[in-house]
PDB file of all heavy atoms in Angstrom:
ATOM      1  N   ILE A   1       0.841  -1.195   0.000  1.00  0.00           N
ATOM      2  CA  ILE A   1       0.000   0.000   0.000  1.00  0.00           C
ATOM      3  C   ILE A   1       0.877   1.246   0.000  1.00  0.00           C
ATOM      4  O   ILE A   1       0.653   2.185  -0.773  1.00  0.00           O
ATOM      5  CB  ILE A   1      -0.954   0.000   1.207  1.00  0.00           C
ATOM      6  CG1 ILE A   1      -1.907  -1.193   1.134  1.00  0.00           C
ATOM      7  CG2 ILE A   1      -1.720   1.314   1.285  1.00  0.00           C
ATOM      8  CD1 ILE A   1      -2.654  -1.461   2.432  1.00  0.00           C
ATOM      9  N   GLU A   2       1.907   1.267   0.857  1.00  0.00           N
ATOM     10  CA  GLU A   2       2.805   2.419   0.919  1.00  0.00           C
ATOM     11  C   GLU A   2       3.482   2.668  -0.424  1.00  0.00           C
ATOM     12  O   GLU A   2       3.590   3.809  -0.869  1.00  0.00           O
ATOM     13  CB  GLU A   2       3.855   2.230   2.000  1.00  0.00           C
ATOM     14  CG  GLU A   2       4.801   3.427   2.101  1.00  0.00           C
ATOM     15  CD  GLU A   2       5.810   3.318   3.226  1.00  0.00           C
ATOM     16  OE1 GLU A   2       5.547   2.614   4.218  1.00  0.00           O
ATOM     17  OE2 GLU A   2       6.865   3.964   3.106  1.00  0.00           O
ATOM     18  N   GLN A   3       3.927   1.626  -1.074  1.00  0.00           N
ATOM     19  CA  GLN A   3       4.584   1.765  -2.381  1.00  0.00           C
ATOM     20  C   GLN A   3       3.629   2.395  -3.391  1.00  0.00           C
ATOM     21  O   GLN A   3       4.007   3.295  -4.140  1.00  0.00           O
ATOM     22  CB  GLN A   3       5.041   0.393  -2.861  1.00  0.00           C
ATOM     23  CG  GLN A   3       5.808   0.427  -4.153  1.00  0.00           C
ATOM     24  CD  GLN A   3       6.287  -0.966  -4.553  1.00  0.00           C
ATOM     25  OE1 GLN A   3       5.813  -1.989  -4.052  1.00  0.00           O
ATOM     26  NE2 GLN A   3       7.230  -1.002  -5.464  1.00  0.00           N
ATOM     27  N   LYS A   4       2.374   1.958  -3.392  1.00  0.00           N
ATOM     28  CA  LYS A   4       1.374   2.505  -4.312  1.00  0.00           C
ATOM     29  C   LYS A   4       1.077   3.964  -3.989  1.00  0.00           C
ATOM     30  O   LYS A   4       0.978   4.802  -4.878  1.00  0.00           O
ATOM     31  CB  LYS A   4       0.101   1.653  -4.224  1.00  0.00           C
ATOM     32  CG  LYS A   4      -1.059   2.170  -5.007  1.00  0.00           C
ATOM     33  CD  LYS A   4      -0.905   1.925  -6.475  1.00  0.00           C
ATOM     34  CE  LYS A   4      -2.210   2.241  -7.198  1.00  0.00           C
ATOM     35  NZ  LYS A   4      -2.029   3.192  -8.274  1.00  0.00           N
ATOM     36  N   VAL A   5       0.952   4.280  -2.715  1.00  0.00           N
ATOM     37  CA  VAL A   5       0.657   5.664  -2.303  1.00  0.00           C
ATOM     38  C   VAL A   5       1.813   6.588  -2.682  1.00  0.00           C
ATOM     39  O   VAL A   5       1.602   7.682  -3.206  1.00  0.00           O
ATOM     40  CB  VAL A   5       0.343   5.736  -0.794  1.00  0.00           C
ATOM     41  CG1 VAL A   5       0.268   7.177  -0.312  1.00  0.00           C
ATOM     42  CG2 VAL A   5      -0.950   4.993  -0.489  1.00  0.00           C
ATOM     43  N   ARG A   6       3.051   6.146  -2.426  1.00  0.00           N
ATOM     44  CA  ARG A   6       4.213   6.951  -2.824  1.00  0.00           C
ATOM     45  C   ARG A   6       4.204   7.221  -4.334  1.00  0.00           C
ATOM     46  O   ARG A   6       4.462   8.340  -4.776  1.00  0.00           O
ATOM     47  CB  ARG A   6       5.511   6.254  -2.446  1.00  0.00           C
ATOM     48  CG  ARG A   6       5.889   6.355  -0.994  1.00  0.00           C
ATOM     49  CD  ARG A   6       7.224   5.640  -0.729  1.00  0.00           C
ATOM     50  NE  ARG A   6       7.597   5.703   0.658  1.00  0.00           N
ATOM     51  CZ  ARG A   6       8.285   6.711   1.203  1.00  0.00           C
ATOM     52  NH1 ARG A   6       8.667   7.732   0.475  1.00  0.00           N
ATOM     53  NH2 ARG A   6       8.589   6.683   2.484  1.00  0.00           N
ATOM     54  N   ALA A   7       3.916   6.196  -5.120  1.00  0.00           N
ATOM     55  CA  ALA A   7       3.885   6.346  -6.581  1.00  0.00           C
ATOM     56  C   ALA A   7       2.780   7.313  -7.005  1.00  0.00           C
ATOM     57  O   ALA A   7       2.995   8.167  -7.877  1.00  0.00           O
ATOM     58  CB  ALA A   7       3.694   4.986  -7.250  1.00  0.00           C
ATOM     59  N   ASP A   8       1.604   7.206  -6.388  1.00  0.00           N
ATOM     60  CA  ASP A   8       0.500   8.114  -6.726  1.00  0.00           C
ATOM     61  C   ASP A   8       0.837   9.556  -6.376  1.00  0.00           C
ATOM     62  O   ASP A   8       0.534  10.482  -7.134  1.00  0.00           O
ATOM     63  CB  ASP A   8      -0.781   7.694  -6.009  1.00  0.00           C
ATOM     64  CG  ASP A   8      -1.404   6.439  -6.588  1.00  0.00           C
ATOM     65  OD1 ASP A   8      -0.976   5.990  -7.676  1.00  0.00           O
ATOM     66  OD2 ASP A   8      -2.330   5.897  -5.947  1.00  0.00           O
ATOM     67  N   LEU A   9       1.465   9.758  -5.221  1.00  0.00           N
ATOM     68  CA  LEU A   9       1.830  11.118  -4.819  1.00  0.00           C
ATOM     69  C   LEU A   9       2.935  11.686  -5.711  1.00  0.00           C
ATOM     70  O   LEU A   9       2.902  12.861  -6.074  1.00  0.00           O
ATOM     71  CB  LEU A   9       2.238  11.147  -3.349  1.00  0.00           C
ATOM     72  CG  LEU A   9       1.099  10.913  -2.351  1.00  0.00           C
ATOM     73  CD1 LEU A   9       1.650  10.736  -0.944  1.00  0.00           C
ATOM     74  CD2 LEU A   9       0.092  12.056  -2.397  1.00  0.00           C
ATOM     75  N   ALA A  10       3.903  10.865  -6.086  1.00  0.00           N
ATOM     76  CA  ALA A  10       4.966  11.320  -6.988  1.00  0.00           C
ATOM     77  C   ALA A  10       4.385  11.680  -8.352  1.00  0.00           C
ATOM     78  O   ALA A  10       4.801  12.667  -8.972  1.00  0.00           O
ATOM     79  CB  ALA A  10       6.043  10.250  -7.127  1.00  0.00           C
ATOM     80  N   GLU A  11       3.411  10.909  -8.793  1.00  0.00           N
ATOM     81  CA  GLU A  11       2.758  11.216 -10.072  1.00  0.00           C
ATOM     82  C   GLU A  11       2.004  12.536  -9.989  1.00  0.00           C
ATOM     83  O   GLU A  11       2.046  13.350 -10.902  1.00  0.00           O
ATOM     84  CB  GLU A  11       1.804  10.091 -10.449  1.00  0.00           C
ATOM     85  CG  GLU A  11       1.150  10.282 -11.798  1.00  0.00           C
ATOM     86  CD  GLU A  11       0.246   9.124 -12.178  1.00  0.00           C
ATOM     87  OE1 GLU A  11       0.493   7.994 -11.737  1.00  0.00           O
ATOM     88  OE2 GLU A  11      -0.710   9.375 -12.923  1.00  0.00           O
ATOM     89  N   ALA A  12       1.325  12.754  -8.867  1.00  0.00           N
ATOM     90  CA  ALA A  12       0.598  14.012  -8.678  1.00  0.00           C
ATOM     91  C   ALA A  12       1.557  15.196  -8.667  1.00  0.00           C
ATOM     92  O   ALA A  12       1.253  16.261  -9.202  1.00  0.00           O
ATOM     93  CB  ALA A  12      -0.206  13.967  -7.390  1.00  0.00           C
ATOM     94  N   CYS A  13       2.730  15.001  -8.053  1.00  0.00           N
ATOM     95  CA  CYS A  13       3.739  16.070  -7.985  1.00  0.00           C
ATOM     96  C   CYS A  13       4.504  16.214  -9.297  1.00  0.00           C
ATOM     97  O   CYS A  13       5.236  17.183  -9.478  1.00  0.00           O
ATOM     98  CB  CYS A  13       4.732  15.775  -6.859  1.00  0.00           C
ATOM     99  SG  CYS A  13       4.084  16.118  -5.210  1.00  0.00           S
ATOM    100  N   ARG A  14       4.365  15.246 -10.159  1.00  0.00           N
ATOM    101  CA  ARG A  14       5.121  15.212 -11.418  1.00  0.00           C
ATOM    102  C   ARG A  14       6.616  15.264 -11.158  1.00  0.00           C
ATOM    103  O   ARG A  14       7.369  15.973 -11.813  1.00  0.00           O
ATOM    104  CB  ARG A  14       4.689  16.338 -12.351  1.00  0.00           C
ATOM    105  CG  ARG A  14       3.255  16.212 -12.764  1.00  0.00           C
ATOM    106  CD  ARG A  14       2.853  17.241 -13.759  1.00  0.00           C
ATOM    107  NE  ARG A  14       1.435  17.056 -14.065  1.00  0.00           N
ATOM    108  CZ  ARG A  14       0.774  17.801 -14.886  1.00  0.00           C
ATOM    109  NH1 ARG A  14       1.367  18.800 -15.494  1.00  0.00           N
ATOM    110  NH2 ARG A  14      -0.493  17.556 -15.113  1.00  0.00           N
ATOM    111  N   GLY A  15       7.019  14.513 -10.143  1.00  0.00           N
ATOM    112  CA  GLY A  15       8.432  14.464  -9.779  1.00  0.00           C
ATOM    113  C   GLY A  15       8.603  13.867  -8.394  1.00  0.00           C
ATOM    114  O   GLY A  15       7.743  13.145  -7.900  1.00  0.00           O
ATOM    115  N   GLU A  16       9.693  14.229  -7.785  1.00  0.00           N
ATOM    116  CA  GLU A  16      10.024  13.670  -6.475  1.00  0.00           C
ATOM    117  C   GLU A  16       9.158  14.268  -5.373  1.00  0.00           C
ATOM    118  O   GLU A  16       8.666  15.386  -5.482  1.00  0.00           O
ATOM    119  CB  GLU A  16      11.497  13.927  -6.158  1.00  0.00           C
ATOM    120  CG  GLU A  16      12.459  13.210  -7.094  1.00  0.00           C
ATOM    121  CD  GLU A  16      13.900  13.477  -6.719  1.00  0.00           C
ATOM    122  OE1 GLU A  16      14.221  13.386  -5.518  1.00  0.00           O
ATOM    123  OE2 GLU A  16      14.685  13.776  -7.630  1.00  0.00           O
ATOM    124  N   ILE A  17       9.016  13.483  -4.303  1.00  0.00           N
ATOM    125  CA  ILE A  17       8.281  13.949  -3.131  1.00  0.00           C
ATOM    126  C   ILE A  17       9.209  13.966  -1.923  1.00  0.00           C
ATOM    127  O   ILE A  17      10.271  13.342  -1.929  1.00  0.00           O
ATOM    128  CB  ILE A  17       7.060  13.046  -2.832  1.00  0.00           C
ATOM    129  CG1 ILE A  17       7.486  11.597  -2.561  1.00  0.00           C
ATOM    130  CG2 ILE A  17       6.038  13.132  -3.944  1.00  0.00           C
ATOM    131  CD1 ILE A  17       6.362  10.696  -2.080  1.00  0.00           C
ATOM    132  N   GLU A  18       8.804  14.713  -0.909  1.00  0.00           N
ATOM    133  CA  GLU A  18       9.540  14.759   0.347  1.00  0.00           C
ATOM    134  C   GLU A  18       8.534  14.888   1.482  1.00  0.00           C
ATOM    135  O   GLU A  18       7.358  15.160   1.251  1.00  0.00           O
ATOM    136  CB  GLU A  18      10.555  15.898   0.368  1.00  0.00           C
ATOM    137  CG  GLU A  18       9.967  17.277   0.148  1.00  0.00           C
ATOM    138  CD  GLU A  18      11.033  18.356   0.009  1.00  0.00           C
ATOM    139  OE1 GLU A  18      12.229  18.038   0.047  1.00  0.00           O
ATOM    140  OE2 GLU A  18      10.656  19.522  -0.132  1.00  0.00           O
ATOM    141  N   LYS A  19       9.009  14.676   2.702  1.00  0.00           N
ATOM    142  CA  LYS A  19       8.167  14.742   3.902  1.00  0.00           C
ATOM    143  C   LYS A  19       6.939  13.836   3.772  1.00  0.00           C
ATOM    144  O   LYS A  19       5.821  14.229   4.086  1.00  0.00           O
ATOM    145  CB  LYS A  19       7.765  16.181   4.199  1.00  0.00           C
ATOM    146  CG  LYS A  19       8.955  17.075   4.497  1.00  0.00           C
ATOM    147  CD  LYS A  19       8.532  18.460   4.884  1.00  0.00           C
ATOM    148  CE  LYS A  19       9.754  19.329   5.159  1.00  0.00           C
ATOM    149  NZ  LYS A  19       9.382  20.688   5.497  1.00  0.00           N
ATOM    150  N   PHE A  20       7.182  12.622   3.306  1.00  0.00           N
ATOM    151  CA  PHE A  20       6.115  11.639   3.134  1.00  0.00           C
ATOM    152  C   PHE A  20       5.642  11.117   4.483  1.00  0.00           C
ATOM    153  O   PHE A  20       6.444  10.822   5.361  1.00  0.00           O
ATOM    154  CB  PHE A  20       6.622  10.477   2.274  1.00  0.00           C
ATOM    155  CG  PHE A  20       5.637   9.354   2.137  1.00  0.00           C
ATOM    156  CD1 PHE A  20       4.572   9.452   1.262  1.00  0.00           C
ATOM    157  CD2 PHE A  20       5.766   8.206   2.895  1.00  0.00           C
ATOM    158  CE1 PHE A  20       3.654   8.416   1.133  1.00  0.00           C
ATOM    159  CE2 PHE A  20       4.863   7.161   2.779  1.00  0.00           C
ATOM    160  CZ  PHE A  20       3.801   7.275   1.895  1.00  0.00           C
ATOM    161  N   GLU A  21       4.344  11.029   4.653  1.00  0.00           N
ATOM    162  CA  GLU A  21       3.738  10.465   5.857  1.00  0.00           C
ATOM    163  C   GLU A  21       2.599   9.552   5.428  1.00  0.00           C
ATOM    164  O   GLU A  21       1.900   9.844   4.464  1.00  0.00           O
ATOM    165  CB  GLU A  21       3.140  11.564   6.742  1.00  0.00           C
ATOM    166  CG  GLU A  21       4.105  12.592   7.245  1.00  0.00           C
ATOM    167  CD  GLU A  21       3.398  13.718   7.993  1.00  0.00           C
ATOM    168  OE1 GLU A  21       2.193  13.576   8.317  1.00  0.00           O
ATOM    169  OE2 GLU A  21       4.047  14.730   8.245  1.00  0.00           O
ATOM    170  N   ILE A  22       2.414   8.464   6.136  1.00  0.00           N
ATOM    171  CA  ILE A  22       1.277   7.596   5.876  1.00  0.00           C
ATOM    172  C   ILE A  22       0.805   6.992   7.191  1.00  0.00           C
ATOM    173  O   ILE A  22       1.613   6.699   8.075  1.00  0.00           O
ATOM    174  CB  ILE A  22       1.610   6.499   4.843  1.00  0.00           C
ATOM    175  CG1 ILE A  22       0.346   5.771   4.391  1.00  0.00           C
ATOM    176  CG2 ILE A  22       2.667   5.551   5.364  1.00  0.00           C
ATOM    177  CD1 ILE A  22       0.520   4.916   3.152  1.00  0.00           C
ATOM    178  N   THR A  23      -0.494   6.874   7.333  1.00  0.00           N
ATOM    179  CA  THR A  23      -1.073   6.209   8.491  1.00  0.00           C
ATOM    180  C   THR A  23      -2.015   5.119   7.993  1.00  0.00           C
ATOM    181  O   THR A  23      -2.637   5.256   6.941  1.00  0.00           O
ATOM    182  CB  THR A  23      -1.847   7.178   9.399  1.00  0.00           C
ATOM    183  OG1 THR A  23      -2.861   7.830   8.629  1.00  0.00           O
ATOM    184  CG2 THR A  23      -0.937   8.212  10.015  1.00  0.00           C
ATOM    185  N   PHE A  24      -2.078   4.048   8.763  1.00  0.00           N
ATOM    186  CA  PHE A  24      -2.922   2.919   8.413  1.00  0.00           C
ATOM    187  C   PHE A  24      -3.934   2.671   9.521  1.00  0.00           C
ATOM    188  O   PHE A  24      -3.645   2.906  10.694  1.00  0.00           O
ATOM    189  CB  PHE A  24      -2.085   1.645   8.243  1.00  0.00           C
ATOM    190  CG  PHE A  24      -1.082   1.727   7.132  1.00  0.00           C
ATOM    191  CD1 PHE A  24       0.249   1.980   7.408  1.00  0.00           C
ATOM    192  CD2 PHE A  24      -1.461   1.557   5.811  1.00  0.00           C
ATOM    193  CE1 PHE A  24       1.191   2.051   6.397  1.00  0.00           C
ATOM    194  CE2 PHE A  24      -0.533   1.627   4.793  1.00  0.00           C
ATOM    195  CZ  PHE A  24       0.789   1.877   5.077  1.00  0.00           C
ATOM    196  N   LEU A  25      -5.087   2.172   9.136  1.00  0.00           N
ATOM    197  CA  LEU A  25      -6.118   1.809  10.094  1.00  0.00           C
ATOM    198  C   LEU A  25      -6.695   0.469   9.656  1.00  0.00           C
ATOM    199  O   LEU A  25      -7.097   0.311   8.498  1.00  0.00           O
ATOM    200  CB  LEU A  25      -7.218   2.872  10.125  1.00  0.00           C
ATOM    201  CG  LEU A  25      -8.404   2.606  11.040  1.00  0.00           C
ATOM    202  CD1 LEU A  25      -7.953   2.585  12.503  1.00  0.00           C
ATOM    203  CD2 LEU A  25      -9.470   3.655  10.845  1.00  0.00           C
ATOM    204  N   ASP A  26      -6.708  -0.484  10.559  1.00  0.00           N
ATOM    205  CA  ASP A  26      -7.293  -1.790  10.258  1.00  0.00           C
ATOM    206  C   ASP A  26      -8.795  -1.619  10.052  1.00  0.00           C
ATOM    207  O   ASP A  26      -9.505  -1.185  10.947  1.00  0.00           O
ATOM    208  CB  ASP A  26      -7.011  -2.761  11.405  1.00  0.00           C
ATOM    209  CG  ASP A  26      -7.522  -4.167  11.132  1.00  0.00           C
ATOM    210  OD1 ASP A  26      -8.101  -4.408  10.053  1.00  0.00           O
ATOM    211  OD2 ASP A  26      -7.329  -5.024  11.998  1.00  0.00           O
ATOM    212  N   ALA A  27      -9.257  -1.924   8.865  1.00  0.00           N
ATOM    213  CA  ALA A  27     -10.672  -1.796   8.532  1.00  0.00           C
ATOM    214  C   ALA A  27     -11.258  -3.160   8.172  1.00  0.00           C
ATOM    215  O   ALA A  27     -12.178  -3.261   7.363  1.00  0.00           O
ATOM    216  CB  ALA A  27     -10.836  -0.814   7.374  1.00  0.00           C
ATOM    217  N   THR A  28     -10.710  -4.201   8.772  1.00  0.00           N
ATOM    218  CA  THR A  28     -11.171  -5.557   8.511  1.00  0.00           C
ATOM    219  C   THR A  28     -12.660  -5.675   8.831  1.00  0.00           C
ATOM    220  O   THR A  28     -13.132  -5.150   9.842  1.00  0.00           O
ATOM    221  CB  THR A  28     -10.359  -6.560   9.355  1.00  0.00           C
ATOM    222  OG1 THR A  28      -8.986  -6.461   8.961  1.00  0.00           O
ATOM    223  CG2 THR A  28     -10.835  -7.982   9.159  1.00  0.00           C
ATOM    224  N   SER A  29     -13.376  -6.354   7.952  1.00  0.00           N
ATOM    225  CA  SER A  29     -14.822  -6.489   8.125  1.00  0.00           C
ATOM    226  C   SER A  29     -15.153  -7.396   9.303  1.00  0.00           C
ATOM    227  O   SER A  29     -14.299  -8.138   9.795  1.00  0.00           O
ATOM    228  CB  SER A  29     -15.452  -7.055   6.852  1.00  0.00           C
ATOM    229  OG  SER A  29     -15.117  -8.424   6.715  1.00  0.00           O
ATOM    230  N   ARG A  30     -16.380  -7.338   9.755  1.00  0.00           N
ATOM    231  CA  ARG A  30     -16.822  -8.185  10.866  1.00  0.00           C
ATOM    232  C   ARG A  30     -16.691  -9.665  10.528  1.00  0.00           C
ATOM    233  O   ARG A  30     -16.531 -10.496  11.404  1.00  0.00           O
ATOM    234  CB  ARG A  30     -18.260  -7.867  11.233  1.00  0.00           C
ATOM    235  CG  ARG A  30     -18.404  -6.525  11.856  1.00  0.00           C
ATOM    236  CD  ARG A  30     -19.830  -6.280  12.258  1.00  0.00           C
ATOM    237  NE  ARG A  30     -19.974  -4.903  12.708  1.00  0.00           N
ATOM    238  CZ  ARG A  30     -21.108  -4.365  13.045  1.00  0.00           C
ATOM    239  NH1 ARG A  30     -22.214  -5.073  12.994  1.00  0.00           N
ATOM    240  NH2 ARG A  30     -21.156  -3.118  13.434  1.00  0.00           N
ATOM    241  N   GLY A  31     -16.750  -9.982   9.248  1.00  0.00           N
ATOM    242  CA  GLY A  31     -16.610 -11.361   8.805  1.00  0.00           C
ATOM    243  C   GLY A  31     -15.170 -11.815   8.698  1.00  0.00           C
ATOM    244  O   GLY A  31     -14.893 -12.940   8.304  1.00  0.00           O
ATOM    245  N   GLY A  32     -14.224 -10.917   9.011  1.00  0.00           N
ATOM    246  CA  GLY A  32     -12.816 -11.267   8.988  1.00  0.00           C
ATOM    247  C   GLY A  32     -12.109 -11.018   7.665  1.00  0.00           C
ATOM    248  O   GLY A  32     -10.961 -11.402   7.498  1.00  0.00           O
ATOM    249  N   VAL A  33     -12.777 -10.349   6.719  1.00  0.00           N
ATOM    250  CA  VAL A  33     -12.143 -10.037   5.434  1.00  0.00           C
ATOM    251  C   VAL A  33     -11.211  -8.835   5.642  1.00  0.00           C
ATOM    252  O   VAL A  33     -11.658  -7.784   6.093  1.00  0.00           O
ATOM    253  CB  VAL A  33     -13.199  -9.723   4.356  1.00  0.00           C
ATOM    254  CG1 VAL A  33     -12.533  -9.365   3.039  1.00  0.00           C
ATOM    255  CG2 VAL A  33     -14.152 -10.896   4.181  1.00  0.00           C
ATOM    256  N   PRO A  34      -9.914  -9.012   5.336  1.00  0.00           N
ATOM    257  CA  PRO A  34      -8.955  -7.938   5.623  1.00  0.00           C
ATOM    258  C   PRO A  34      -9.097  -6.734   4.692  1.00  0.00           C
ATOM    259  O   PRO A  34      -9.162  -6.888   3.475  1.00  0.00           O
ATOM    260  CB  PRO A  34      -7.599  -8.616   5.430  1.00  0.00           C
ATOM    261  CG  PRO A  34      -7.864  -9.709   4.464  1.00  0.00           C
ATOM    262  CD  PRO A  34      -9.263 -10.172   4.734  1.00  0.00           C
ATOM    263  N   HIS A  35      -9.177  -5.572   5.281  1.00  0.00           N
ATOM    264  CA  HIS A  35      -9.176  -4.298   4.560  1.00  0.00           C
ATOM    265  C   HIS A  35      -8.289  -3.344   5.356  1.00  0.00           C
ATOM    266  O   HIS A  35      -8.195  -3.448   6.576  1.00  0.00           O
ATOM    267  CB  HIS A  35     -10.571  -3.687   4.445  1.00  0.00           C
ATOM    268  CG  HIS A  35     -11.578  -4.544   3.759  1.00  0.00           C
ATOM    269  ND1 HIS A  35     -11.397  -5.059   2.494  1.00  0.00           N
ATOM    270  CD2 HIS A  35     -12.790  -4.997   4.169  1.00  0.00           C
ATOM    271  CE1 HIS A  35     -12.456  -5.758   2.144  1.00  0.00           C
ATOM    272  NE2 HIS A  35     -13.317  -5.750   3.156  1.00  0.00           N
ATOM    273  N   THR A  36      -7.663  -2.401   4.661  1.00  0.00           N
ATOM    274  CA  THR A  36      -6.810  -1.416   5.315  1.00  0.00           C
ATOM    275  C   THR A  36      -7.161  -0.023   4.814  1.00  0.00           C
ATOM    276  O   THR A  36      -7.063   0.249   3.619  1.00  0.00           O
ATOM    277  CB  THR A  36      -5.325  -1.696   5.027  1.00  0.00           C
ATOM    278  OG1 THR A  36      -5.025  -3.042   5.395  1.00  0.00           O
ATOM    279  CG2 THR A  36      -4.433  -0.740   5.799  1.00  0.00           C
ATOM    280  N   ALA A  37      -7.562   0.842   5.711  1.00  0.00           N
ATOM    281  CA  ALA A  37      -7.783   2.249   5.373  1.00  0.00           C
ATOM    282  C   ALA A  37      -6.456   2.970   5.560  1.00  0.00           C
ATOM    283  O   ALA A  37      -5.654   2.617   6.427  1.00  0.00           O
ATOM    284  CB  ALA A  37      -8.847   2.848   6.286  1.00  0.00           C
ATOM    285  N   TYR A  38      -6.202   3.971   4.725  1.00  0.00           N
ATOM    286  CA  TYR A  38      -4.936   4.688   4.819  1.00  0.00           C
ATOM    287  C   TYR A  38      -5.099   6.145   4.424  1.00  0.00           C
ATOM    288  O   TYR A  38      -6.014   6.515   3.699  1.00  0.00           O
ATOM    289  CB  TYR A  38      -3.863   4.033   3.943  1.00  0.00           C
ATOM    290  CG  TYR A  38      -4.238   3.972   2.483  1.00  0.00           C
ATOM    291  CD1 TYR A  38      -3.964   5.028   1.618  1.00  0.00           C
ATOM    292  CD2 TYR A  38      -4.892   2.864   1.965  1.00  0.00           C
ATOM    293  CE1 TYR A  38      -4.320   4.970   0.289  1.00  0.00           C
ATOM    294  CE2 TYR A  38      -5.244   2.796   0.634  1.00  0.00           C
ATOM    295  CZ  TYR A  38      -4.960   3.859  -0.200  1.00  0.00           C
ATOM    296  OH  TYR A  38      -5.332   3.811  -1.527  1.00  0.00           O
ATOM    297  N   THR A  39      -4.196   6.969   4.946  1.00  0.00           N
ATOM    298  CA  THR A  39      -4.097   8.375   4.579  1.00  0.00           C
ATOM    299  C   THR A  39      -2.622   8.656   4.318  1.00  0.00           C
ATOM    300  O   THR A  39      -1.775   8.385   5.172  1.00  0.00           O
ATOM    301  CB  THR A  39      -4.599   9.291   5.706  1.00  0.00           C
ATOM    302  OG1 THR A  39      -5.955   8.967   5.995  1.00  0.00           O
ATOM    303  CG2 THR A  39      -4.493  10.754   5.320  1.00  0.00           C
ATOM    304  N   GLY A  40      -2.322   9.167   3.148  1.00  0.00           N
ATOM    305  CA  GLY A  40      -0.954   9.517   2.783  1.00  0.00           C
ATOM    306  C   GLY A  40      -0.840  11.000   2.493  1.00  0.00           C
ATOM    307  O   GLY A  40      -1.805  11.639   2.078  1.00  0.00           O
ATOM    308  N   ARG A  41       0.354  11.531   2.721  1.00  0.00           N
ATOM    309  CA  ARG A  41       0.578  12.969   2.527  1.00  0.00           C
ATOM    310  C   ARG A  41       2.041  13.169   2.168  1.00  0.00           C
ATOM    311  O   ARG A  41       2.927  12.506   2.716  1.00  0.00           O
ATOM    312  CB  ARG A  41       0.240  13.694   3.828  1.00  0.00           C
ATOM    313  CG  ARG A  41       0.556  15.156   3.860  1.00  0.00           C
ATOM    314  CD  ARG A  41       0.246  15.706   5.262  1.00  0.00           C
ATOM    315  NE  ARG A  41       0.720  17.051   5.416  1.00  0.00           N
ATOM    316  CZ  ARG A  41      -0.032  18.135   5.271  1.00  0.00           C
ATOM    317  NH1 ARG A  41      -1.302  18.028   4.993  1.00  0.00           N
ATOM    318  NH2 ARG A  41       0.490  19.337   5.438  1.00  0.00           N
ATOM    319  N   ALA A  42       2.307  14.073   1.247  1.00  0.00           N
ATOM    320  CA  ALA A  42       3.686  14.395   0.885  1.00  0.00           C
ATOM    321  C   ALA A  42       3.733  15.793   0.262  1.00  0.00           C
ATOM    322  O   ALA A  42       2.760  16.271  -0.296  1.00  0.00           O
ATOM    323  CB  ALA A  42       4.244  13.388  -0.108  1.00  0.00           C
ATOM    324  N   GLU A  43       4.908  16.392   0.386  1.00  0.00           N
ATOM    325  CA  GLU A  43       5.151  17.672  -0.271  1.00  0.00           C
ATOM    326  C   GLU A  43       5.934  17.398  -1.553  1.00  0.00           C
ATOM    327  O   GLU A  43       6.726  16.473  -1.626  1.00  0.00           O
ATOM    328  CB  GLU A  43       5.969  18.596   0.646  1.00  0.00           C
ATOM    329  CG  GLU A  43       5.209  18.984   1.888  1.00  0.00           C
ATOM    330  CD  GLU A  43       5.987  19.911   2.806  1.00  0.00           C
ATOM    331  OE1 GLU A  43       7.070  20.425   2.404  1.00  0.00           O
ATOM    332  OE2 GLU A  43       5.528  20.126   3.938  1.00  0.00           O
ATOM    333  N   CYS A  44       5.671  18.217  -2.555  1.00  0.00           N
ATOM    334  CA  CYS A  44       6.389  18.106  -3.812  1.00  0.00           C
ATOM    335  C   CYS A  44       7.774  18.729  -3.644  1.00  0.00           C
ATOM    336  O   CYS A  44       7.883  19.852  -3.119  1.00  0.00           O
ATOM    337  CB  CYS A  44       5.642  18.810  -4.944  1.00  0.00           C
ATOM    338  SG  CYS A  44       3.984  18.169  -5.214  1.00  0.00           S
ATOM    339  N   LYS A  45       8.796  18.015  -4.045  1.00  0.00           N
ATOM    340  CA  LYS A  45      10.168  18.527  -3.926  1.00  0.00           C
ATOM    341  C   LYS A  45      10.353  19.631  -4.955  1.00  0.00           C
ATOM    342  O   LYS A  45      10.011  19.492  -6.115  1.00  0.00           O
ATOM    343  CB  LYS A  45      11.174  17.403  -4.144  1.00  0.00           C
ATOM    344  CG  LYS A  45      12.569  17.771  -3.757  1.00  0.00           C
ATOM    345  CD  LYS A  45      13.439  16.534  -3.744  1.00  0.00           C
ATOM    346  CE  LYS A  45      14.818  16.881  -3.219  1.00  0.00           C
ATOM    347  NZ  LYS A  45      15.668  15.692  -3.141  1.00  0.00           N
TER     348      LYS A  45
END
């Protein structure tokens, strides 16, 4: 997930990023199906 988020943010910046932050939250369903909620943030270099 982090690799994908970094790539998406770099694409948005059209170049390198810096001050990358990411947080994860377990959003697994009551039935036990694994899901992960996330928030990523970065500044464009």
